Amino acid sequence: MRSREVAFQLVSDRPNLQLSLAPGEELTGTLEIPGPPQAQKHMVRLEPLEGVNWTGQLEVEVAKDGSFHLSNIFPGKFKTVVTPIPENGFIKAVMLDNKPAADNVLDLSNGGSRIKITISPNAGQISGRVLDKDGDPLMGPCNVILQMSPALPEENGAARTSDGKYTLTGIRPGKYRLYAINILALLEMIGGGDVDETVKRFYEAGEEIEIKEGDRISKDITALSKLSEKK
């Protein structure tokens, strides 16, 4: 059992806080995947986004009819994960009690009872060449990164390459920053700076790109070998 979180402002008077212990929520849900029934089994998992979540059943197998049940889930925010996702598929929508969950994040701070997850088999793809500063293919180790925000790495938004070619698949629609990092220059770029600040600077150096459902984009990118000075 656990109480809900209560926000309060600390003042000179003693606050009258009521913290009542209660069991977690029971959640039922459905997973919808277009097309013929699939032989493989699917799992639904809730990943806590904030701190430690003392909770019960966070992962469950989906029944053949697409239904699932999670028990003893305490208040909090959770990322919704489905495994395995069909080839080049993505989670198109997550609904909590008939209301859309932004960025597929379930906010159970005030409870909830029913989840609906819809999969699209038509995710975006992007591929191309990684170039050096002279415009030639970069024949060396590099990472290609696709991010919606510095704090939100995309689940399928990273690829390691050494032959100057990259491919990213299973990308959900949205606006991103796309960049490649020359691994041989990585230590020099990071230096001794703050990691979060460095990640933010990588993100800001990336090229803005919008990917729509079903897009097949071909794009060459120049690998970063240095970062601009901090503003």
Protein backbone atom coordinates (compact mmCIF):
# COMPACT_ATOMS: atom_id res chain seq x y z
CA MET A 1 0.00 0.00 0.00
CA ARG A 2 1.07 3.56 -0.65
CA SER A 3 -0.30 7.08 -0.38
CA ARG A 4 -0.70 9.50 -3.26
CA GLU A 5 1.76 12.36 -3.54
CA VAL A 6 0.56 15.63 -2.01
CA ALA A 7 2.04 19.00 -3.03
CA PHE A 8 2.12 21.73 -0.39
CA GLN A 9 3.87 25.01 0.37
CA LEU A 10 5.93 25.13 3.54
CA VAL A 11 4.97 28.21 5.58
CA SER A 12 5.22 29.17 9.22
CA ASP A 13 2.03 27.33 10.09
CA ARG A 14 2.07 23.56 10.34
CA PRO A 15 0.35 22.13 7.23
CA ASN A 16 -2.53 19.76 7.84
CA LEU A 17 -1.48 16.92 5.53
CA GLN A 18 -3.58 13.82 5.07
CA LEU A 19 -1.63 10.87 3.67
CA SER A 20 -3.88 7.86 3.30
CA LEU A 21 -2.45 4.47 2.40
CA ALA A 22 -4.27 2.65 -0.39
CA PRO A 23 -3.61 -0.28 -2.73
CA GLY A 24 -2.53 0.29 -6.32
CA GLU A 25 -4.85 0.57 -9.31
CA GLU A 26 -6.15 -2.28 -11.43
CA LEU A 27 -5.67 -1.48 -15.12
CA THR A 28 -7.27 -3.30 -18.04
CA GLY A 29 -6.37 -2.63 -21.63
CA THR A 30 -6.39 -3.60 -25.27
CA LEU A 31 -3.61 -3.74 -27.86
CA GLU A 32 -4.70 -3.14 -31.46
CA ILE A 33 -2.40 -4.21 -34.31
CA PRO A 34 -3.83 -3.89 -37.86
CA GLY A 35 -3.67 -6.83 -40.23
CA PRO A 36 -4.07 -10.58 -39.76
CA PRO A 37 -3.56 -12.08 -36.29
CA GLN A 38 0.10 -12.57 -35.44
CA ALA A 39 1.50 -15.81 -34.11
CA GLN A 40 4.10 -14.14 -31.90
CA LYS A 41 3.29 -13.11 -28.37
CA HIS A 42 3.36 -9.44 -27.36
CA MET A 43 4.22 -7.85 -24.03
CA VAL A 44 3.04 -4.51 -22.63
CA ARG A 45 5.39 -2.81 -20.18
CA LEU A 46 5.10 0.39 -18.15
CA GLU A 47 8.43 2.10 -17.42
CA PRO A 48 8.40 4.60 -14.49
CA LEU A 49 9.70 8.01 -15.59
CA GLU A 50 10.28 9.58 -12.21
CA GLY A 51 12.36 7.99 -9.49
CA VAL A 52 11.61 4.62 -7.91
CA ASN A 53 8.07 3.37 -8.26
CA TRP A 54 7.11 0.81 -5.63
CA THR A 55 4.59 -0.97 -7.70
CA GLY A 56 3.27 -4.35 -8.70
CA GLN A 57 2.88 -5.87 -12.13
CA LEU A 58 4.58 -3.56 -14.65
CA GLU A 59 4.83 -6.05 -17.52
CA VAL A 60 2.23 -8.48 -18.81
CA GLU A 61 1.65 -10.77 -21.78
CA VAL A 62 -1.14 -9.76 -24.15
CA ALA A 63 -3.88 -12.33 -24.72
CA LYS A 64 -4.77 -13.56 -28.22
CA ASP A 65 -7.79 -11.23 -28.33
CA GLY A 66 -5.53 -8.22 -27.59
CA SER A 67 -6.58 -7.79 -23.97
CA PHE A 68 -4.26 -7.41 -20.98
CA HIS A 69 -4.48 -6.67 -17.27
CA LEU A 70 -2.05 -4.91 -14.92
CA SER A 71 -2.49 -5.03 -11.16
CA ASN A 72 -1.36 -2.98 -8.16
CA ILE A 73 -0.09 0.02 -10.17
CA PHE A 74 0.63 3.04 -8.00
CA PRO A 75 0.32 6.71 -9.06
CA GLY A 76 3.04 8.09 -11.31
CA LYS A 77 4.05 8.70 -14.92
CA PHE A 78 4.95 5.77 -17.14
CA LYS A 79 6.33 5.32 -20.64
CA THR A 80 4.32 2.74 -22.60
CA VAL A 81 6.37 0.02 -24.28
CA VAL A 82 5.18 -2.82 -26.52
CA THR A 83 7.49 -5.71 -27.48
CA PRO A 84 8.01 -6.91 -30.05
CA ILE A 85 6.81 -4.15 -32.36
CA PRO A 86 5.97 -5.35 -35.90
CA GLU A 87 8.69 -4.57 -38.45
CA ASN A 88 8.74 -0.83 -39.11
CA GLY A 89 5.82 -0.33 -36.72
CA PHE A 90 5.36 2.24 -33.95
CA ILE A 91 2.96 3.05 -31.14
CA LYS A 92 0.57 5.45 -32.86
CA ALA A 93 -1.70 6.24 -29.91
CA VAL A 94 -2.15 5.50 -26.23
CA MET A 95 -5.49 6.30 -24.60
CA LEU A 96 -6.18 6.42 -20.86
CA ASP A 97 -9.88 6.34 -20.04
CA ASN A 98 -10.66 7.51 -23.62
CA LYS A 99 -8.23 10.46 -23.40
CA PRO A 100 -5.00 10.61 -25.46
CA ALA A 101 -1.72 10.29 -23.57
CA ALA A 102 0.81 12.86 -24.81
CA ASP A 103 4.04 11.28 -26.13
CA ASN A 104 2.60 7.87 -25.16
CA VAL A 105 3.24 8.68 -21.48
CA LEU A 106 0.56 7.49 -19.07
CA ASP A 107 -0.05 9.95 -16.25
CA LEU A 108 -1.54 7.85 -13.46
CA SER A 109 -1.05 10.56 -10.83
CA ASN A 110 -4.81 10.66 -10.38
CA GLY A 111 -5.43 7.03 -11.16
CA GLY A 112 -6.95 5.40 -14.20
CA SER A 113 -8.69 2.20 -15.17
CA ARG A 114 -8.50 1.47 -18.90
CA ILE A 115 -5.72 1.68 -21.51
CA LYS A 116 -5.96 1.36 -25.28
CA ILE A 117 -2.77 1.04 -27.33
CA THR A 118 -2.85 1.30 -31.13
CA ILE A 119 0.06 0.16 -33.31
CA SER A 120 0.69 1.47 -36.82
CA PRO A 121 2.72 -0.71 -39.23
CA ASN A 122 3.72 2.36 -41.25
CA ALA A 123 6.48 4.10 -39.33
CA GLY A 124 8.90 6.51 -40.94
CA GLN A 125 12.34 5.61 -42.23
CA ILE A 126 15.38 7.72 -42.94
CA SER A 127 18.65 6.66 -44.55
CA GLY A 128 21.62 8.16 -46.32
CA ARG A 129 25.33 8.80 -46.08
CA VAL A 130 27.45 10.24 -43.28
CA LEU A 131 29.96 12.69 -44.72
CA ASP A 132 33.16 14.25 -43.42
CA LYS A 133 33.87 17.99 -43.51
CA ASP A 134 35.09 17.69 -47.12
CA GLY A 135 31.86 16.05 -48.29
CA ASP A 136 33.31 12.55 -48.66
CA PRO A 137 31.76 9.45 -47.02
CA LEU A 138 33.06 9.10 -43.46
CA MET A 139 34.79 5.72 -43.35
CA GLY A 140 35.14 5.43 -39.62
CA PRO A 141 33.08 4.88 -36.48
CA CYS A 142 30.25 7.31 -35.91
CA ASN A 143 26.85 7.45 -34.24
CA VAL A 144 23.76 8.81 -35.98
CA ILE A 145 21.21 10.27 -33.53
CA LEU A 146 17.58 11.32 -33.99
CA GLN A 147 15.99 13.18 -31.06
CA MET A 148 12.74 15.02 -30.32
CA SER A 149 14.38 16.87 -27.42
CA PRO A 150 17.68 16.72 -25.51
CA ALA A 151 15.96 14.83 -22.69
CA LEU A 152 13.93 12.53 -24.92
CA PRO A 153 16.05 10.14 -27.01
CA GLU A 154 13.95 8.36 -29.60
CA GLU A 155 13.61 4.62 -29.02
CA ASN A 156 14.68 3.75 -32.58
CA GLY A 157 16.65 6.92 -33.10
CA ALA A 158 20.26 5.75 -32.98
CA ALA A 159 22.51 3.84 -35.34
CA ARG A 160 26.22 2.96 -35.28
CA THR A 161 28.02 2.93 -38.61
CA SER A 162 31.57 2.66 -39.90
CA ASP A 163 31.03 2.49 -43.68
CA GLY A 164 29.53 5.94 -44.25
CA LYS A 165 25.94 4.69 -44.57
CA TYR A 166 23.10 4.74 -42.05
CA THR A 167 19.46 3.64 -41.79
CA LEU A 168 16.90 4.40 -39.08
CA THR A 169 13.54 2.61 -39.12
CA GLY A 170 10.44 2.38 -36.94
CA ILE A 171 10.30 6.15 -36.38
CA ARG A 172 7.06 7.64 -35.11
CA PRO A 173 5.89 10.91 -36.71
CA GLY A 174 7.21 14.13 -35.24
CA LYS A 175 9.77 16.91 -35.44
CA TYR A 176 13.34 15.91 -34.68
CA ARG A 177 16.96 16.95 -34.68
CA LEU A 178 19.26 14.71 -36.75
CA TYR A 179 23.03 14.61 -36.30
CA ALA A 180 26.03 12.31 -36.54
CA ILE A 181 28.96 12.22 -34.13
CA ASN A 182 32.46 11.35 -35.29
CA ILE A 183 33.54 8.94 -32.55
CA LEU A 184 37.24 9.68 -33.09
CA ALA A 185 36.59 13.35 -32.22
CA LEU A 186 34.13 12.62 -29.39
CA LEU A 187 36.51 13.00 -26.45
CA GLU A 188 37.79 16.31 -27.77
CA MET A 189 34.23 17.61 -28.19
CA ILE A 190 33.09 16.50 -24.74
CA GLY A 191 36.17 17.71 -22.90
CA GLY A 192 35.56 17.96 -19.18
CA GLY A 193 32.18 19.67 -19.47
CA ASP A 194 28.84 18.81 -17.94
CA VAL A 195 27.28 15.78 -19.65
CA ASP A 196 23.73 17.20 -19.79
CA GLU A 197 25.02 20.48 -21.23
CA THR A 198 27.06 18.61 -23.85
CA VAL A 199 24.04 16.52 -24.89
CA LYS A 200 22.03 19.73 -25.25
CA ARG A 201 24.73 21.27 -27.46
CA PHE A 202 24.80 18.17 -29.69
CA TYR A 203 21.03 18.41 -30.03
CA GLU A 204 21.13 22.12 -30.89
CA ALA A 205 23.79 21.45 -33.54
CA GLY A 206 21.53 18.91 -35.25
CA GLU A 207 19.47 19.62 -38.35
CA GLU A 208 15.72 20.05 -37.91
CA ILE A 209 13.66 17.45 -39.73
CA GLU A 210 10.00 16.46 -39.70
CA ILE A 211 9.04 12.84 -40.27
CA LYS A 212 5.47 11.91 -41.16
CA GLU A 213 3.77 8.53 -41.04
CA GLY A 214 4.97 6.38 -43.92
CA ASP A 215 7.83 8.71 -44.93
CA ARG A 216 10.84 7.19 -46.69
CA ILE A 217 13.47 9.91 -46.50
CA SER A 218 16.94 9.89 -48.06
CA LYS A 219 19.30 12.40 -46.45
CA ASP A 220 23.06 12.85 -46.26
CA ILE A 221 24.46 14.45 -43.11
CA THR A 222 27.87 15.83 -42.18
CA ALA A 223 29.30 14.34 -38.99
CA LEU A 224 30.01 16.70 -36.13
CA SER A 225 33.69 16.95 -35.35
CA LYS A 226 33.48 20.01 -33.10
CA LEU A 227 30.84 21.97 -31.25
CA SER A 228 30.25 25.71 -31.40
CA GLU A 229 31.19 27.76 -28.39
CA LYS A 230 28.62 27.99 -25.61
CA LYS A 231 26.44 31.08 -25.81
